[in-house]
Amino acid sequence: MRTQTKELQDSQTPVTVVEILKEGNIRFLANNKSPRNLQGQVLDTAAGQFPHTVVLSCIDSRVPIELVFDQGIGDIFSVRVAGNIINQDILGSIEYGCKVAGSMVVVVMGHSKCGAVTAACNRVDLGNITSLLAKINPAVNEVIKTKEDATPENIEKVSELNVFKSIERMRTESNILNEMEKNGEINIVGAMYDVETGKVTFL
């Protein structure tokens, strides 16, 4: 598998990059990972990086981004925070990935059985976790009206809705990303990862 170079990045488009991710997840599901010389990729990327994608995902240890998309060193900017929420620092990181380093796709990826979303649905109040969970509350409040509403099925609905809420905030709060998307320079897409199967479903 080739290392992501500037020349390779220049030959890609937002559409082809999404296909790269989809094909990578198919290989992951089939346990048929691409052959890579990881130490060689370390050397190849030492002088610079040209990732094709920025992925905003949860910190969950069951969702290793490069693995589930069968990507190597230098392919993906991985932005990870519990509940795949948006804040100013995260937006700045994504803006860097796209505007400065040339990534063409931003994937906001939630996952099933998300602990952060479950905690938000159950109104957990614990230290700094509380302010983080507050950023998930807009999705929670549309689905969970009473304590009894916090069923496993509804929690999964909140996880998916939270992806769309993060994308909405990204477009609203980042003029750079909003403009790049309108100009066709990037695609901003949502996805969900199933921790039971390993399948990524693009939304």
N, C-alpha and C. Protein backbone atom coordinates (compact mmCIF):
# COMPACT_ATOMS: atom_id res chain seq x y z
N MET A 1 0.85 -1.19 0.00
CA MET A 1 0.00 0.00 0.00
C MET A 1 0.88 1.24 0.00
N ARG A 2 0.59 2.18 -0.90
CA ARG A 2 1.42 3.37 -1.05
C ARG A 2 1.24 4.32 0.12
N THR A 3 2.34 5.00 0.47
CA THR A 3 2.28 6.06 1.47
C THR A 3 1.63 7.29 0.85
N GLN A 4 0.81 7.97 1.65
CA GLN A 4 0.12 9.16 1.17
C GLN A 4 1.13 10.30 0.98
N THR A 5 1.33 10.70 -0.27
CA THR A 5 2.26 11.78 -0.61
C THR A 5 1.48 12.98 -1.12
N LYS A 6 2.19 14.09 -1.35
CA LYS A 6 1.54 15.28 -1.90
C LYS A 6 0.99 14.99 -3.30
N GLU A 7 1.74 14.26 -4.08
CA GLU A 7 1.29 13.92 -5.44
C GLU A 7 0.02 13.06 -5.39
N LEU A 8 0.01 12.11 -4.48
CA LEU A 8 -1.18 11.25 -4.35
C LEU A 8 -2.36 12.06 -3.84
N GLN A 9 -2.11 12.92 -2.87
CA GLN A 9 -3.18 13.77 -2.34
C GLN A 9 -3.78 14.65 -3.43
N ASP A 10 -2.92 15.21 -4.27
CA ASP A 10 -3.38 16.09 -5.35
C ASP A 10 -4.23 15.35 -6.37
N SER A 11 -4.05 14.05 -6.48
CA SER A 11 -4.80 13.26 -7.45
C SER A 11 -6.15 12.80 -6.92
N GLN A 12 -6.40 13.03 -5.63
CA GLN A 12 -7.63 12.56 -5.01
C GLN A 12 -8.69 13.65 -4.97
N THR A 13 -9.93 13.24 -4.80
CA THR A 13 -11.05 14.16 -4.65
C THR A 13 -11.85 13.76 -3.42
N PRO A 14 -12.72 14.63 -2.92
CA PRO A 14 -13.56 14.23 -1.79
C PRO A 14 -14.35 12.95 -2.06
N VAL A 15 -14.81 12.78 -3.28
CA VAL A 15 -15.59 11.57 -3.62
C VAL A 15 -14.72 10.33 -3.58
N THR A 16 -13.52 10.40 -4.17
CA THR A 16 -12.65 9.21 -4.20
C THR A 16 -12.13 8.87 -2.81
N VAL A 17 -11.96 9.88 -1.97
CA VAL A 17 -11.47 9.63 -0.61
C VAL A 17 -12.52 8.88 0.21
N VAL A 18 -13.79 9.26 0.07
CA VAL A 18 -14.85 8.53 0.78
C VAL A 18 -14.85 7.07 0.33
N GLU A 19 -14.63 6.83 -0.95
CA GLU A 19 -14.57 5.45 -1.44
C GLU A 19 -13.38 4.70 -0.86
N ILE A 20 -12.25 5.39 -0.68
CA ILE A 20 -11.08 4.77 -0.04
C ILE A 20 -11.45 4.29 1.37
N LEU A 21 -12.18 5.11 2.09
CA LEU A 21 -12.58 4.75 3.46
C LEU A 21 -13.55 3.58 3.45
N LYS A 22 -14.53 3.62 2.56
CA LYS A 22 -15.51 2.53 2.49
C LYS A 22 -14.83 1.21 2.12
N GLU A 23 -13.94 1.25 1.15
CA GLU A 23 -13.23 0.04 0.74
C GLU A 23 -12.34 -0.48 1.87
N GLY A 24 -11.73 0.45 2.61
CA GLY A 24 -10.89 0.05 3.74
C GLY A 24 -11.69 -0.66 4.81
N ASN A 25 -12.90 -0.17 5.10
CA ASN A 25 -13.73 -0.84 6.10
C ASN A 25 -14.18 -2.22 5.62
N ILE A 26 -14.41 -2.36 4.33
CA ILE A 26 -14.76 -3.68 3.78
C ILE A 26 -13.60 -4.65 4.00
N ARG A 27 -12.38 -4.19 3.76
CA ARG A 27 -11.22 -5.06 4.01
C ARG A 27 -11.11 -5.41 5.49
N PHE A 28 -11.36 -4.43 6.35
CA PHE A 28 -11.31 -4.66 7.80
C PHE A 28 -12.32 -5.72 8.21
N LEU A 29 -13.53 -5.63 7.68
CA LEU A 29 -14.58 -6.59 8.01
C LEU A 29 -14.20 -7.99 7.55
N ALA A 30 -13.48 -8.06 6.45
CA ALA A 30 -13.07 -9.36 5.90
C ALA A 30 -11.76 -9.85 6.51
N ASN A 31 -11.20 -9.07 7.44
CA ASN A 31 -9.91 -9.40 8.05
C ASN A 31 -8.84 -9.58 6.97
N ASN A 32 -8.88 -8.68 6.01
CA ASN A 32 -8.00 -8.76 4.84
C ASN A 32 -7.24 -7.45 4.68
N LYS A 33 -6.46 -7.10 5.68
CA LYS A 33 -5.80 -5.80 5.68
C LYS A 33 -4.74 -5.70 4.58
N SER A 34 -4.56 -4.49 4.08
CA SER A 34 -3.57 -4.25 3.04
C SER A 34 -2.16 -4.42 3.59
N PRO A 35 -1.25 -4.97 2.80
CA PRO A 35 0.14 -5.10 3.26
C PRO A 35 0.80 -3.72 3.34
N ARG A 36 1.45 -3.43 4.43
CA ARG A 36 2.13 -2.15 4.61
C ARG A 36 3.46 -2.36 5.29
N ASN A 37 4.43 -1.56 4.89
CA ASN A 37 5.70 -1.48 5.60
C ASN A 37 5.59 -0.26 6.52
N LEU A 38 5.13 -0.47 7.74
CA LEU A 38 4.87 0.65 8.64
C LEU A 38 6.14 1.42 8.97
N GLN A 39 7.26 0.71 9.14
CA GLN A 39 8.51 1.42 9.41
C GLN A 39 8.91 2.24 8.19
N GLY A 40 8.64 1.71 7.01
CA GLY A 40 8.90 2.48 5.79
C GLY A 40 8.03 3.72 5.72
N GLN A 41 6.78 3.61 6.17
CA GLN A 41 5.89 4.77 6.16
C GLN A 41 6.34 5.81 7.17
N VAL A 42 6.91 5.35 8.27
CA VAL A 42 7.49 6.30 9.23
C VAL A 42 8.56 7.15 8.54
N LEU A 43 9.43 6.49 7.80
CA LEU A 43 10.50 7.21 7.11
C LEU A 43 9.94 8.08 5.98
N ASP A 44 8.95 7.55 5.25
CA ASP A 44 8.38 8.29 4.13
C ASP A 44 7.68 9.58 4.56
N THR A 45 7.12 9.57 5.77
CA THR A 45 6.36 10.73 6.24
C THR A 45 7.16 11.64 7.16
N ALA A 46 8.41 11.32 7.38
CA ALA A 46 9.21 12.10 8.33
C ALA A 46 9.33 13.56 7.93
N ALA A 47 9.39 13.82 6.63
CA ALA A 47 9.60 15.20 6.16
C ALA A 47 8.30 15.97 5.97
N GLY A 48 7.15 15.29 6.04
CA GLY A 48 5.88 15.98 5.85
C GLY A 48 4.72 15.00 5.79
N GLN A 49 3.51 15.52 5.98
CA GLN A 49 2.33 14.68 5.98
C GLN A 49 1.25 15.27 5.07
N PHE A 50 0.51 14.36 4.42
CA PHE A 50 -0.52 14.79 3.46
C PHE A 50 -1.75 13.89 3.57
N PRO A 51 -2.35 13.80 4.78
CA PRO A 51 -3.50 12.92 4.97
C PRO A 51 -4.68 13.31 4.09
N HIS A 52 -5.45 12.31 3.69
CA HIS A 52 -6.62 12.59 2.85
C HIS A 52 -7.87 12.87 3.67
N THR A 53 -7.87 12.51 4.96
CA THR A 53 -9.09 12.56 5.76
C THR A 53 -8.81 13.05 7.17
N VAL A 54 -9.78 13.77 7.73
CA VAL A 54 -9.81 14.06 9.16
C VAL A 54 -11.01 13.31 9.73
N VAL A 55 -10.77 12.51 10.76
CA VAL A 55 -11.87 11.80 11.42
C VAL A 55 -12.01 12.32 12.85
N LEU A 56 -13.20 12.84 13.16
CA LEU A 56 -13.54 13.19 14.54
C LEU A 56 -14.34 12.03 15.11
N SER A 57 -13.79 11.39 16.13
CA SER A 57 -14.45 10.22 16.70
C SER A 57 -14.34 10.24 18.22
N CYS A 58 -14.96 9.26 18.83
CA CYS A 58 -14.93 9.11 20.28
C CYS A 58 -13.60 8.51 20.71
N ILE A 59 -13.28 8.65 22.00
CA ILE A 59 -12.05 8.08 22.52
C ILE A 59 -12.16 6.57 22.75
N ASP A 60 -13.33 5.99 22.55
CA ASP A 60 -13.57 4.59 22.86
C ASP A 60 -12.47 3.69 22.32
N SER A 61 -11.92 2.85 23.18
CA SER A 61 -10.78 2.00 22.80
C SER A 61 -11.16 0.92 21.79
N ARG A 62 -12.45 0.70 21.59
CA ARG A 62 -12.90 -0.32 20.64
C ARG A 62 -12.99 0.21 19.21
N VAL A 63 -12.67 1.49 19.04
CA VAL A 63 -12.84 2.12 17.72
C VAL A 63 -11.52 2.74 17.26
N PRO A 64 -10.51 1.92 16.94
CA PRO A 64 -9.22 2.43 16.46
C PRO A 64 -9.33 2.88 15.00
N ILE A 65 -9.27 4.16 14.76
CA ILE A 65 -9.67 4.72 13.47
C ILE A 65 -8.88 4.17 12.29
N GLU A 66 -7.56 4.19 12.36
CA GLU A 66 -6.78 3.70 11.23
C GLU A 66 -7.07 2.23 10.95
N LEU A 67 -7.31 1.45 11.98
CA LEU A 67 -7.57 0.03 11.77
C LEU A 67 -8.91 -0.22 11.11
N VAL A 68 -9.97 0.46 11.58
CA VAL A 68 -11.30 0.15 11.05
C VAL A 68 -11.46 0.61 9.61
N PHE A 69 -10.60 1.55 9.17
CA PHE A 69 -10.61 1.97 7.77
C PHE A 69 -9.44 1.39 6.99
N ASP A 70 -8.68 0.49 7.62
CA ASP A 70 -7.50 -0.12 7.00
C ASP A 70 -6.61 0.94 6.35
N GLN A 71 -6.20 1.91 7.14
CA GLN A 71 -5.32 2.96 6.67
C GLN A 71 -4.00 2.90 7.44
N GLY A 72 -2.98 3.55 6.88
CA GLY A 72 -1.65 3.47 7.47
C GLY A 72 -1.18 4.78 8.06
N ILE A 73 0.11 4.85 8.31
CA ILE A 73 0.72 6.06 8.87
C ILE A 73 0.71 7.15 7.81
N GLY A 74 0.20 8.33 8.20
CA GLY A 74 0.18 9.46 7.28
C GLY A 74 -1.09 9.59 6.46
N ASP A 75 -2.09 8.72 6.71
CA ASP A 75 -3.32 8.76 5.92
C ASP A 75 -4.44 9.59 6.54
N ILE A 76 -4.51 9.60 7.87
CA ILE A 76 -5.66 10.19 8.56
C ILE A 76 -5.21 11.08 9.72
N PHE A 77 -5.83 12.26 9.82
CA PHE A 77 -5.77 13.04 11.05
C PHE A 77 -6.87 12.50 11.96
N SER A 78 -6.50 12.00 13.11
CA SER A 78 -7.47 11.42 14.03
C SER A 78 -7.68 12.37 15.21
N VAL A 79 -8.90 12.91 15.29
CA VAL A 79 -9.28 13.82 16.38
C VAL A 79 -10.23 13.05 17.29
N ARG A 80 -9.83 12.82 18.53
CA ARG A 80 -10.62 11.95 19.40
C ARG A 80 -10.98 12.65 20.70
N VAL A 81 -12.26 12.57 21.04
CA VAL A 81 -12.77 13.13 22.28
C VAL A 81 -14.04 12.36 22.64
N ALA A 82 -14.28 12.15 23.91
CA ALA A 82 -15.46 11.41 24.33
C ALA A 82 -16.72 12.03 23.72
N GLY A 83 -17.53 11.19 23.08
CA GLY A 83 -18.78 11.66 22.51
C GLY A 83 -18.64 12.40 21.20
N ASN A 84 -17.45 12.36 20.58
CA ASN A 84 -17.19 13.07 19.32
C ASN A 84 -17.88 14.44 19.26
N ILE A 85 -17.62 15.23 20.31
CA ILE A 85 -18.25 16.56 20.42
C ILE A 85 -17.38 17.63 19.74
N ILE A 86 -17.95 18.81 19.62
CA ILE A 86 -17.26 19.94 19.00
C ILE A 86 -16.92 20.99 20.05
N ASN A 87 -15.69 21.48 20.01
CA ASN A 87 -15.33 22.70 20.74
C ASN A 87 -14.33 23.48 19.90
N GLN A 88 -13.87 24.60 20.39
CA GLN A 88 -13.01 25.48 19.59
C GLN A 88 -11.69 24.82 19.21
N ASP A 89 -11.09 24.10 20.15
CA ASP A 89 -9.81 23.45 19.86
C ASP A 89 -9.97 22.35 18.80
N ILE A 90 -11.06 21.62 18.89
CA ILE A 90 -11.32 20.57 17.91
C ILE A 90 -11.54 21.19 16.53
N LEU A 91 -12.31 22.26 16.48
CA LEU A 91 -12.52 22.94 15.20
C LEU A 91 -11.20 23.44 14.62
N GLY A 92 -10.35 24.00 15.47
CA GLY A 92 -9.04 24.46 15.00
C GLY A 92 -8.20 23.33 14.44
N SER A 93 -8.27 22.17 15.09
CA SER A 93 -7.52 21.00 14.60
C SER A 93 -8.04 20.55 13.24
N ILE A 94 -9.35 20.53 13.08
CA ILE A 94 -9.93 20.10 11.81
C ILE A 94 -9.64 21.12 10.72
N GLU A 95 -9.70 22.39 11.06
CA GLU A 95 -9.36 23.45 10.09
C GLU A 95 -7.91 23.29 9.62
N TYR A 96 -7.02 22.98 10.54
CA TYR A 96 -5.63 22.76 10.16
C TYR A 96 -5.53 21.60 9.18
N GLY A 97 -6.19 20.50 9.52
CA GLY A 97 -6.12 19.33 8.66
C GLY A 97 -6.59 19.61 7.24
N CYS A 98 -7.64 20.40 7.11
CA CYS A 98 -8.22 20.66 5.78
C CYS A 98 -7.56 21.85 5.08
N LYS A 99 -7.52 22.98 5.73
CA LYS A 99 -7.06 24.21 5.08
C LYS A 99 -5.55 24.25 4.90
N VAL A 100 -4.83 23.73 5.88
CA VAL A 100 -3.37 23.81 5.83
C VAL A 100 -2.76 22.56 5.22
N ALA A 101 -3.24 21.39 5.65
CA ALA A 101 -2.59 20.14 5.23
C ALA A 101 -3.29 19.45 4.06
N GLY A 102 -4.44 19.97 3.63
CA GLY A 102 -5.03 19.50 2.38
C GLY A 102 -5.97 18.32 2.45
N SER A 103 -6.41 17.92 3.64
CA SER A 103 -7.37 16.82 3.72
C SER A 103 -8.68 17.22 3.04
N MET A 104 -9.31 16.25 2.38
CA MET A 104 -10.50 16.55 1.57
C MET A 104 -11.80 16.04 2.15
N VAL A 105 -11.73 15.22 3.17
CA VAL A 105 -12.95 14.67 3.78
C VAL A 105 -12.84 14.81 5.30
N VAL A 106 -13.95 15.25 5.90
CA VAL A 106 -14.08 15.25 7.35
C VAL A 106 -15.18 14.25 7.70
N VAL A 107 -14.84 13.24 8.48
CA VAL A 107 -15.82 12.26 8.94
C VAL A 107 -16.07 12.48 10.42
N VAL A 108 -17.32 12.73 10.79
CA VAL A 108 -17.72 12.73 12.20
C VAL A 108 -18.32 11.36 12.46
N MET A 109 -17.66 10.56 13.30
CA MET A 109 -18.09 9.18 13.48
C MET A 109 -18.44 8.88 14.92
N GLY A 110 -19.71 8.57 15.15
CA GLY A 110 -20.15 8.05 16.43
C GLY A 110 -20.07 6.54 16.42
N HIS A 111 -20.52 5.93 17.51
CA HIS A 111 -20.49 4.46 17.55
C HIS A 111 -21.58 3.93 18.47
N SER A 112 -21.91 2.68 18.30
CA SER A 112 -22.90 2.04 19.15
C SER A 112 -22.35 1.84 20.56
N LYS A 113 -23.26 1.73 21.50
CA LYS A 113 -22.91 1.48 22.91
C LYS A 113 -21.91 2.52 23.44
N CYS A 114 -22.12 3.77 23.08
CA CYS A 114 -21.21 4.85 23.48
C CYS A 114 -21.41 5.22 24.94
N GLY A 115 -20.34 5.12 25.72
CA GLY A 115 -20.43 5.43 27.14
C GLY A 115 -20.73 6.89 27.41
N ALA A 116 -20.16 7.78 26.62
CA ALA A 116 -20.40 9.21 26.83
C ALA A 116 -21.86 9.57 26.54
N VAL A 117 -22.39 9.03 25.46
CA VAL A 117 -23.79 9.30 25.12
C VAL A 117 -24.71 8.69 26.17
N THR A 118 -24.39 7.48 26.61
CA THR A 118 -25.20 6.84 27.65
C THR A 118 -25.19 7.68 28.93
N ALA A 119 -24.02 8.20 29.29
CA ALA A 119 -23.92 9.04 30.49
C ALA A 119 -24.74 10.31 30.33
N ALA A 120 -24.70 10.91 29.14
CA ALA A 120 -25.49 12.12 28.90
C ALA A 120 -26.98 11.82 28.99
N CYS A 121 -27.39 10.70 28.43
CA CYS A 121 -28.81 10.31 28.49
C CYS A 121 -29.27 10.05 29.92
N ASN A 122 -28.35 9.59 30.76
CA ASN A 122 -28.67 9.31 32.17
C ASN A 122 -28.36 10.50 33.08
N ARG A 123 -28.03 11.65 32.47
CA ARG A 123 -27.82 12.90 33.20
C ARG A 123 -26.74 12.76 34.27
N VAL A 124 -25.65 12.11 33.93
CA VAL A 124 -24.52 11.95 34.86
C VAL A 124 -23.91 13.33 35.17
N ASP A 125 -23.57 13.54 36.43
CA ASP A 125 -22.96 14.80 36.88
C ASP A 125 -21.69 14.43 37.63
N LEU A 126 -20.53 14.62 36.99
CA LEU A 126 -19.27 14.16 37.59
C LEU A 126 -18.11 15.00 37.08
N GLY A 127 -17.60 15.89 37.90
CA GLY A 127 -16.41 16.66 37.60
C GLY A 127 -16.45 17.33 36.22
N ASN A 128 -15.32 17.28 35.52
CA ASN A 128 -15.24 17.90 34.20
C ASN A 128 -16.04 17.14 33.14
N ILE A 129 -16.43 15.91 33.47
CA ILE A 129 -17.27 15.15 32.53
C ILE A 129 -18.59 15.88 32.30
N THR A 130 -19.07 16.58 33.30
CA THR A 130 -20.37 17.25 33.21
C THR A 130 -20.40 18.26 32.07
N SER A 131 -19.36 19.09 31.96
CA SER A 131 -19.34 20.11 30.91
C SER A 131 -19.18 19.49 29.54
N LEU A 132 -18.48 18.35 29.46
CA LEU A 132 -18.36 17.65 28.19
C LEU A 132 -19.71 17.08 27.76
N LEU A 133 -20.40 16.44 28.70
CA LEU A 133 -21.70 15.84 28.38
C LEU A 133 -22.73 16.89 27.99
N ALA A 134 -22.56 18.11 28.48
CA ALA A 134 -23.49 19.18 28.13
C ALA A 134 -23.51 19.43 26.62
N LYS A 135 -22.41 19.14 25.96
CA LYS A 135 -22.34 19.34 24.51
C LYS A 135 -23.11 18.26 23.75
N ILE A 136 -23.44 17.15 24.43
CA ILE A 136 -24.26 16.10 23.83
C ILE A 136 -25.74 16.35 24.10
N ASN A 137 -26.05 17.21 25.07
CA ASN A 137 -27.42 17.41 25.50
C ASN A 137 -28.38 17.87 24.40
N PRO A 138 -27.95 18.67 23.41
CA PRO A 138 -28.90 19.02 22.35
C PRO A 138 -29.50 17.79 21.65
N ALA A 139 -28.69 16.76 21.46
CA ALA A 139 -29.20 15.52 20.87
C ALA A 139 -30.05 14.75 21.89
N VAL A 140 -29.59 14.72 23.13
CA VAL A 140 -30.34 14.02 24.18
C VAL A 140 -31.74 14.60 24.32
N ASN A 141 -31.83 15.93 24.35
CA ASN A 141 -33.10 16.60 24.64
C ASN A 141 -34.15 16.39 23.55
N GLU A 142 -33.72 16.01 22.36
CA GLU A 142 -34.69 15.74 21.30
C GLU A 142 -35.28 14.34 21.39
N VAL A 143 -34.60 13.45 22.12
CA VAL A 143 -35.03 12.05 22.17
C VAL A 143 -35.47 11.63 23.57
N ILE A 144 -34.71 12.06 24.58
CA ILE A 144 -34.96 11.63 25.96
C ILE A 144 -35.72 12.71 26.70
N LYS A 145 -37.02 12.49 26.90
CA LYS A 145 -37.85 13.48 27.59
C LYS A 145 -38.00 13.16 29.08
N THR A 146 -38.03 11.87 29.40
CA THR A 146 -38.16 11.44 30.79
C THR A 146 -37.10 10.39 31.08
N LYS A 147 -36.94 10.06 32.34
CA LYS A 147 -35.95 9.05 32.75
C LYS A 147 -36.25 7.70 32.09
N GLU A 148 -37.52 7.42 31.92
CA GLU A 148 -37.93 6.14 31.32
C GLU A 148 -37.58 6.06 29.84
N ASP A 149 -37.34 7.21 29.21
CA ASP A 149 -37.02 7.23 27.78
C ASP A 149 -35.59 6.76 27.48
N ALA A 150 -34.76 6.66 28.52
CA ALA A 150 -33.35 6.32 28.31
C ALA A 150 -33.18 4.81 28.09
N THR A 151 -33.87 4.29 27.08
CA THR A 151 -33.76 2.88 26.72
C THR A 151 -32.55 2.67 25.81
N PRO A 152 -32.06 1.45 25.69
CA PRO A 152 -30.93 1.20 24.77
C PRO A 152 -31.22 1.66 23.34
N GLU A 153 -32.45 1.45 22.90
CA GLU A 153 -32.80 1.87 21.53
C GLU A 153 -32.73 3.37 21.38
N ASN A 154 -33.25 4.11 22.36
CA ASN A 154 -33.22 5.58 22.28
C ASN A 154 -31.81 6.13 22.44
N ILE A 155 -31.00 5.47 23.24
CA ILE A 155 -29.61 5.91 23.40
C ILE A 155 -28.88 5.80 22.06
N GLU A 156 -29.15 4.74 21.30
CA GLU A 156 -28.55 4.61 19.97
C GLU A 156 -29.04 5.71 19.04
N LYS A 157 -30.31 6.08 19.16
CA LYS A 157 -30.84 7.19 18.35
C LYS A 157 -30.12 8.49 18.69
N VAL A 158 -29.84 8.69 19.98
CA VAL A 158 -29.12 9.89 20.40
C VAL A 158 -27.71 9.89 19.83
N SER A 159 -27.05 8.73 19.83
CA SER A 159 -25.68 8.65 19.29
C SER A 159 -25.64 9.10 17.83
N GLU A 160 -26.61 8.64 17.04
CA GLU A 160 -26.65 9.02 15.63
C GLU A 160 -27.00 10.50 15.48
N LEU A 161 -27.98 10.96 16.24
CA LEU A 161 -28.36 12.37 16.17
C LEU A 161 -27.21 13.27 16.59
N ASN A 162 -26.43 12.82 17.57
CA ASN A 162 -25.28 13.59 18.04
C ASN A 162 -24.25 13.81 16.94
N VAL A 163 -24.11 12.83 16.04
CA VAL A 163 -23.22 13.00 14.89
C VAL A 163 -23.69 14.19 14.04
N PHE A 164 -24.99 14.22 13.75
CA PHE A 164 -25.53 15.31 12.93
C PHE A 164 -25.42 16.66 13.65
N LYS A 165 -25.59 16.65 14.98
CA LYS A 165 -25.46 17.89 15.74
C LYS A 165 -24.02 18.41 15.69
N SER A 166 -23.04 17.51 15.74
CA SER A 166 -21.64 17.93 15.66
C SER A 166 -21.33 18.49 14.28
N ILE A 167 -21.87 17.87 13.24
CA ILE A 167 -21.67 18.39 11.88
C ILE A 167 -22.31 19.76 11.74
N GLU A 168 -23.50 19.92 12.30
CA GLU A 168 -24.19 21.21 12.25
C GLU A 168 -23.37 22.30 12.93
N ARG A 169 -22.81 21.98 14.10
CA ARG A 169 -21.98 22.95 14.80
C ARG A 169 -20.72 23.27 14.02
N MET A 170 -20.14 22.26 13.39
CA MET A 170 -18.95 22.46 12.59
C MET A 170 -19.21 23.47 11.48
N ARG A 171 -20.31 23.29 10.78
CA ARG A 171 -20.65 24.20 9.68
C ARG A 171 -20.99 25.59 10.18
N THR A 172 -21.62 25.67 11.34
CA THR A 172 -22.05 26.96 11.88
C THR A 172 -20.90 27.74 12.50
N GLU A 173 -19.99 27.04 13.19
CA GLU A 173 -18.97 27.70 13.99
C GLU A 173 -17.62 27.81 13.30
N SER A 174 -17.46 27.20 12.12
CA SER A 174 -16.20 27.31 11.39
C SER A 174 -16.48 27.88 10.00
N ASN A 175 -16.17 29.13 9.83
CA ASN A 175 -16.32 29.75 8.51
C ASN A 175 -15.41 29.09 7.49
N ILE A 176 -14.24 28.66 7.94
CA ILE A 176 -13.27 28.04 7.03
C ILE A 176 -13.84 26.74 6.46
N LEU A 177 -14.32 25.86 7.34
CA LEU A 177 -14.84 24.57 6.87
C LEU A 177 -16.13 24.74 6.07
N ASN A 178 -16.97 25.67 6.50
CA ASN A 178 -18.22 25.93 5.79
C ASN A 178 -17.94 26.40 4.37
N GLU A 179 -17.00 27.30 4.22
CA GLU A 179 -16.65 27.83 2.90
C GLU A 179 -16.01 26.75 2.03
N MET A 180 -15.12 25.96 2.62
CA MET A 180 -14.47 24.90 1.85
C MET A 180 -15.49 23.88 1.35
N GLU A 181 -16.47 23.56 2.19
CA GLU A 181 -17.49 22.61 1.77
C GLU A 181 -18.35 23.18 0.65
N LYS A 182 -18.73 24.44 0.78
CA LYS A 182 -19.55 25.08 -0.25
C LYS A 182 -18.79 25.17 -1.58
N ASN A 183 -17.48 25.32 -1.50
CA ASN A 183 -16.65 25.40 -2.71
C ASN A 183 -16.31 24.03 -3.30
N GLY A 184 -16.75 22.96 -2.64
CA GLY A 184 -16.46 21.62 -3.14
C GLY A 184 -15.06 21.14 -2.84
N GLU A 185 -14.34 21.84 -1.97
CA GLU A 185 -12.98 21.43 -1.62
C GLU A 185 -12.95 20.27 -0.64
N ILE A 186 -13.99 20.18 0.19
CA ILE A 186 -14.08 19.10 1.16
C ILE A 186 -15.51 18.57 1.21
N ASN A 187 -15.64 17.34 1.69
CA ASN A 187 -16.93 16.78 2.07
C ASN A 187 -16.93 16.58 3.57
N ILE A 188 -18.03 16.96 4.22
CA ILE A 188 -18.22 16.69 5.64
C ILE A 188 -19.32 15.64 5.74
N VAL A 189 -18.98 14.47 6.26
CA VAL A 189 -19.93 13.36 6.28
C VAL A 189 -20.02 12.76 7.68
N GLY A 190 -21.15 12.16 7.95
CA GLY A 190 -21.35 11.47 9.21
C GLY A 190 -21.26 9.97 9.03
N ALA A 191 -20.94 9.27 10.12
CA ALA A 191 -20.84 7.82 10.08
C ALA A 191 -21.09 7.26 11.47
N MET A 192 -21.49 5.99 11.49
CA MET A 192 -21.64 5.27 12.75
C MET A 192 -20.87 3.96 12.67
N TYR A 193 -20.18 3.62 13.75
CA TYR A 193 -19.42 2.38 13.85
C TYR A 193 -20.14 1.43 14.79
N ASP A 194 -20.30 0.21 14.37
CA ASP A 194 -20.96 -0.81 15.18
C ASP A 194 -19.89 -1.61 15.92
N VAL A 195 -19.86 -1.51 17.25
CA VAL A 195 -18.80 -2.17 18.02
C VAL A 195 -18.98 -3.68 18.05
N GLU A 196 -20.14 -4.18 17.63
CA GLU A 196 -20.37 -5.62 17.63
C GLU A 196 -19.91 -6.28 16.31
N THR A 197 -19.89 -5.50 15.24
CA THR A 197 -19.55 -6.07 13.93
C THR A 197 -18.31 -5.48 13.29
N GLY A 198 -17.96 -4.25 13.67
CA GLY A 198 -16.85 -3.55 13.02
C GLY A 198 -17.25 -2.78 11.77
N LYS A 199 -18.54 -2.77 11.46
CA LYS A 199 -19.01 -2.12 10.24
C LYS A 199 -19.20 -0.62 10.45
N VAL A 200 -18.72 0.16 9.48
CA VAL A 200 -18.96 1.59 9.44
C VAL A 200 -20.09 1.87 8.45
N THR A 201 -21.12 2.55 8.92
CA THR A 201 -22.23 2.95 8.05
C THR A 201 -22.17 4.45 7.87
N PHE A 202 -22.02 4.89 6.63
CA PHE A 202 -22.03 6.33 6.36
C PHE A 202 -23.47 6.82 6.31
N LEU A 203 -23.69 7.97 6.94
CA LEU A 203 -25.06 8.48 7.11
C LEU A 203 -25.44 9.46 6.00
